[in-house]
Amino acid sequence: MKEIWRTPSLEGKWKDGKGHVVLSVVPYYQRVWVDMRMHNMEREGTSHTSRGFRLTIGQAENLLGQLAVAIDKAKEEEEKNKRNGDE
């Protein structure tokens, strides 16, 4: 496993340092996968959980454009919620 990126989770039971979201490149079943999953930080050391997913390289490439669209939509929704809350 080659870790690429790690950030503390801000969601529910994993916040407050209990879990990290980790992006890795993982060889598995004669393929190379892009793997993103939650790592439990409460156990001794760090241990990955079943909460996550693996993508082929092609799937990950297709995800890039869609991720940008999702981020833009989330920003628009957040801005809309802020404007509605200010009124």
Protein backbone atom coordinates (compact mmCIF):
# COMPACT_ATOMS: atom_id res chain seq x y z
CA MET A 1 0.00 0.00 0.00
CA LYS A 2 1.34 3.42 -0.95
CA GLU A 3 -0.41 6.18 0.96
CA ILE A 4 -1.10 9.29 -1.12
CA TRP A 5 -3.26 11.48 1.12
CA ARG A 6 -4.68 11.44 4.64
CA THR A 7 -7.07 13.74 6.49
CA PRO A 8 -8.91 13.45 9.82
CA SER A 9 -12.58 12.59 9.40
CA LEU A 10 -15.14 15.22 10.34
CA GLU A 11 -18.12 12.83 10.18
CA GLY A 12 -20.12 11.43 13.08
CA LYS A 13 -18.45 8.70 15.06
CA TRP A 14 -15.10 9.13 13.30
CA LYS A 15 -14.49 12.79 14.20
CA ASP A 16 -12.27 14.01 17.04
CA GLY A 17 -9.29 12.03 15.76
CA LYS A 18 -11.01 8.64 15.91
CA GLY A 19 -10.73 8.08 12.16
CA HIS A 20 -8.74 9.24 9.17
CA VAL A 21 -9.78 9.17 5.52
CA VAL A 22 -6.88 7.67 3.56
CA LEU A 23 -6.26 7.60 -0.20
CA SER A 24 -3.83 4.90 -1.33
CA VAL A 25 -2.62 2.91 -4.30
CA VAL A 26 -2.97 -0.80 -3.56
CA PRO A 27 -1.89 -3.88 -5.52
CA TYR A 28 -4.67 -6.48 -5.13
CA TYR A 29 -5.57 -9.56 -7.21
CA GLN A 30 -3.02 -8.86 -9.97
CA ARG A 31 -4.33 -5.31 -10.45
CA VAL A 32 -3.45 -1.89 -9.11
CA TRP A 33 -6.34 -0.12 -7.38
CA VAL A 34 -7.01 3.38 -6.13
CA ASP A 35 -8.28 2.79 -2.61
CA MET A 36 -10.06 5.26 -0.34
CA ARG A 37 -11.20 4.18 3.09
CA MET A 38 -11.55 5.01 6.74
CA HIS A 39 -8.69 4.10 9.06
CA ASN A 40 -9.51 3.51 12.71
CA MET A 41 -7.09 5.52 14.84
CA GLU A 42 -8.37 4.21 18.19
CA ARG A 43 -6.78 0.80 17.74
CA GLU A 44 -3.08 0.36 18.34
CA GLY A 45 -1.45 2.02 15.34
CA THR A 46 -3.70 2.57 12.36
CA SER A 47 -5.92 -0.09 10.86
CA HIS A 48 -8.06 0.19 7.76
CA THR A 49 -11.75 -0.58 8.00
CA SER A 50 -14.22 -2.06 5.52
CA ARG A 51 -15.70 1.43 5.14
CA GLY A 52 -14.33 2.53 1.82
CA PHE A 53 -13.96 1.56 -1.81
CA ARG A 54 -11.50 0.50 -4.49
CA LEU A 55 -11.53 1.79 -8.06
CA THR A 56 -9.67 0.62 -11.12
CA ILE A 57 -7.39 3.21 -12.68
CA GLY A 58 -10.00 3.82 -15.42
CA GLN A 59 -12.78 4.29 -12.89
CA ALA A 60 -10.64 6.74 -10.91
CA GLU A 61 -9.90 8.73 -14.08
CA ASN A 62 -13.63 8.93 -14.85
CA LEU A 63 -14.33 10.00 -11.28
CA LEU A 64 -12.08 13.07 -11.53
CA GLY A 65 -14.42 15.08 -13.74
CA GLN A 66 -17.50 14.00 -11.81
CA LEU A 67 -15.84 14.92 -8.52
CA ALA A 68 -15.32 18.47 -9.80
CA VAL A 69 -19.03 18.65 -10.72
CA ALA A 70 -20.02 17.35 -7.27
CA ILE A 71 -17.79 19.92 -5.54
CA ASP A 72 -19.29 22.76 -7.58
CA LYS A 73 -22.84 21.59 -6.77
CA ALA A 74 -21.99 21.27 -3.07
CA LYS A 75 -20.55 24.80 -3.02
CA GLU A 76 -23.67 26.16 -4.73
CA GLU A 77 -25.91 24.37 -2.22
CA GLU A 78 -23.84 25.63 0.70
CA GLU A 79 -23.98 29.21 -0.61
CA LYS A 80 -27.75 28.91 -1.15
CA ASN A 81 -28.20 27.66 2.43
CA LYS A 82 -26.11 30.55 3.77
CA ARG A 83 -28.17 33.12 1.82
CA ASN A 84 -31.46 31.58 2.99
CA GLY A 85 -30.21 31.55 6.57
CA ASP A 86 -29.21 35.22 6.42
CA GLU A 87 -32.63 36.43 5.30
